[in-house]
Protein backbone atom coordinates (compact mmCIF):
# COMPACT_ATOMS: atom_id res chain seq x y z
CA MET A 1 18.82 -0.76 42.26
CA ALA A 2 18.93 -3.86 40.05
CA GLY A 3 16.64 -3.21 37.12
CA ASP A 4 15.10 -0.16 38.82
CA SER A 5 15.18 2.75 36.39
CA SER A 6 13.81 5.29 38.90
CA PHE A 7 17.32 6.43 39.93
CA VAL A 8 18.25 7.22 36.31
CA GLU A 9 14.84 8.83 35.68
CA LYS A 10 15.16 11.07 38.74
CA ASN A 11 18.88 11.89 38.84
CA TYR A 12 20.05 12.11 35.21
CA ALA A 13 19.44 15.30 33.25
CA GLU A 14 17.34 14.91 30.08
CA ASN A 15 20.37 15.89 27.96
CA PHE A 16 22.82 13.60 29.86
CA THR A 17 25.85 12.40 27.86
CA GLY A 18 28.29 9.77 29.07
CA GLY A 19 31.41 8.27 27.55
CA SER A 20 31.42 4.60 28.49
CA SER A 21 34.50 2.50 29.16
CA TRP A 22 33.49 0.51 26.05
CA GLY A 23 34.06 3.52 23.82
CA ASN A 24 30.39 4.42 23.33
CA TRP A 25 28.53 7.66 23.92
CA GLU A 26 25.47 7.00 26.05
CA THR A 27 22.38 9.10 26.69
CA LYS A 28 19.77 8.93 29.40
CA GLN A 29 17.46 7.29 26.85
CA SER A 30 20.01 4.63 25.81
CA ILE A 31 20.76 3.76 29.45
CA LEU A 32 17.04 3.38 30.17
CA ALA A 33 16.67 1.15 27.09
CA ASP A 34 19.57 -1.05 28.30
CA MET A 35 17.93 -1.34 31.72
CA LYS A 36 14.71 -2.66 30.13
CA ASP A 37 16.65 -5.52 28.47
CA SER A 38 17.26 -7.50 31.69
CA LYS A 39 17.72 -10.77 29.77
CA ASN A 40 20.82 -9.53 27.91
CA ASN A 41 22.02 -6.75 30.20
CA LYS A 42 22.13 -7.65 33.89
CA THR A 43 24.59 -6.47 36.55
CA ASN A 44 25.36 -9.19 39.09
CA ASN A 45 27.28 -6.93 41.47
CA GLU A 46 29.11 -3.61 41.63
CA ALA A 47 31.33 -1.93 44.19
CA ILE A 48 32.50 1.69 44.25
CA SER A 49 35.68 2.79 46.03
CA GLU A 50 38.00 5.81 46.23
CA LEU A 51 35.03 8.22 45.97
CA SER A 52 35.90 11.91 45.93
CA VAL A 53 33.36 14.71 45.42
CA ARG A 54 34.34 18.31 44.76
CA ALA A 55 31.69 21.06 44.61
CA TYR A 56 32.09 24.30 42.69
CA GLY A 57 28.99 26.35 43.47
CA ASP A 58 26.13 24.71 41.58
CA THR A 59 28.42 22.17 39.88
CA ALA A 60 30.02 19.08 41.42
CA ILE A 61 32.49 16.48 40.10
CA ALA A 62 32.59 12.95 41.56
CA THR A 63 35.52 10.64 40.77
CA TYR A 64 35.66 7.00 41.82
CA LYS A 65 36.76 3.46 41.01
CA SER A 66 34.02 0.98 40.12
CA THR A 67 34.39 -2.79 39.90
CA TYR A 68 31.52 -4.77 38.47
CA ASP A 69 30.41 -8.09 37.01
CA SER A 70 27.63 -7.96 34.47
CA LEU A 71 26.16 -10.13 31.75
CA TYR A 72 26.50 -7.50 29.02
CA HIS A 73 29.68 -5.71 29.99
CA GLY A 74 31.66 -8.45 31.74
CA ASP A 75 33.84 -8.35 34.85
CA ARG A 76 36.12 -5.33 34.97
CA THR A 77 37.33 -2.32 36.94
CA ILE A 78 36.88 1.20 35.61
CA LEU A 79 37.74 4.74 36.64
CA SER A 80 34.88 7.23 36.33
CA ALA A 81 34.18 10.94 36.60
CA ASP A 82 30.60 12.21 36.84
CA THR A 83 29.49 15.83 36.60
CA PHE A 84 26.39 17.10 38.44
CA VAL A 85 24.59 20.45 38.23
CA ARG A 86 22.08 21.77 40.75
CA GLN A 87 18.78 22.35 38.93
CA ASN A 88 15.68 23.57 40.75
CA GLY A 89 17.15 22.63 44.14
CA SER A 90 18.28 19.08 43.29
CA TRP A 91 21.47 17.63 41.81
CA LYS A 92 21.21 16.21 38.26
CA GLN A 93 23.96 14.20 36.59
CA VAL A 94 24.75 15.89 33.28
CA ALA A 95 27.89 14.08 32.09
CA SER A 96 29.99 11.03 32.79
CA HIS A 97 33.19 9.47 31.53
CA SER A 98 34.68 6.04 32.29
CA SER A 99 37.89 4.31 31.28
CA GLU A 100 39.05 0.79 31.96
CA LEU A 101 41.67 0.61 34.70
CA ALA A 102 45.15 -0.05 33.30
CA LYS A 103 46.29 -3.62 33.79
């Protein structure tokens, strides 16, 4: 998915809000803008582990650990929780929160 914004375009709700592990609120539009700046914001690799998904009717919560190395954000491990809602037959991510793993 490196540099490919189609996943975000397709799977994030228009009013998506995410709390980043850097202490910033992000929107679908700000994430797409970051993806366009490949010179200053490039992910070298990322791995997700400890994935758990719980569905509650038309809402689902995914929790997981993510370790990544990127030009903009640096090498770190974070804990994340993403919220999805089923809209018109497909799942859309509507919220996210990440925190840096305690050292």
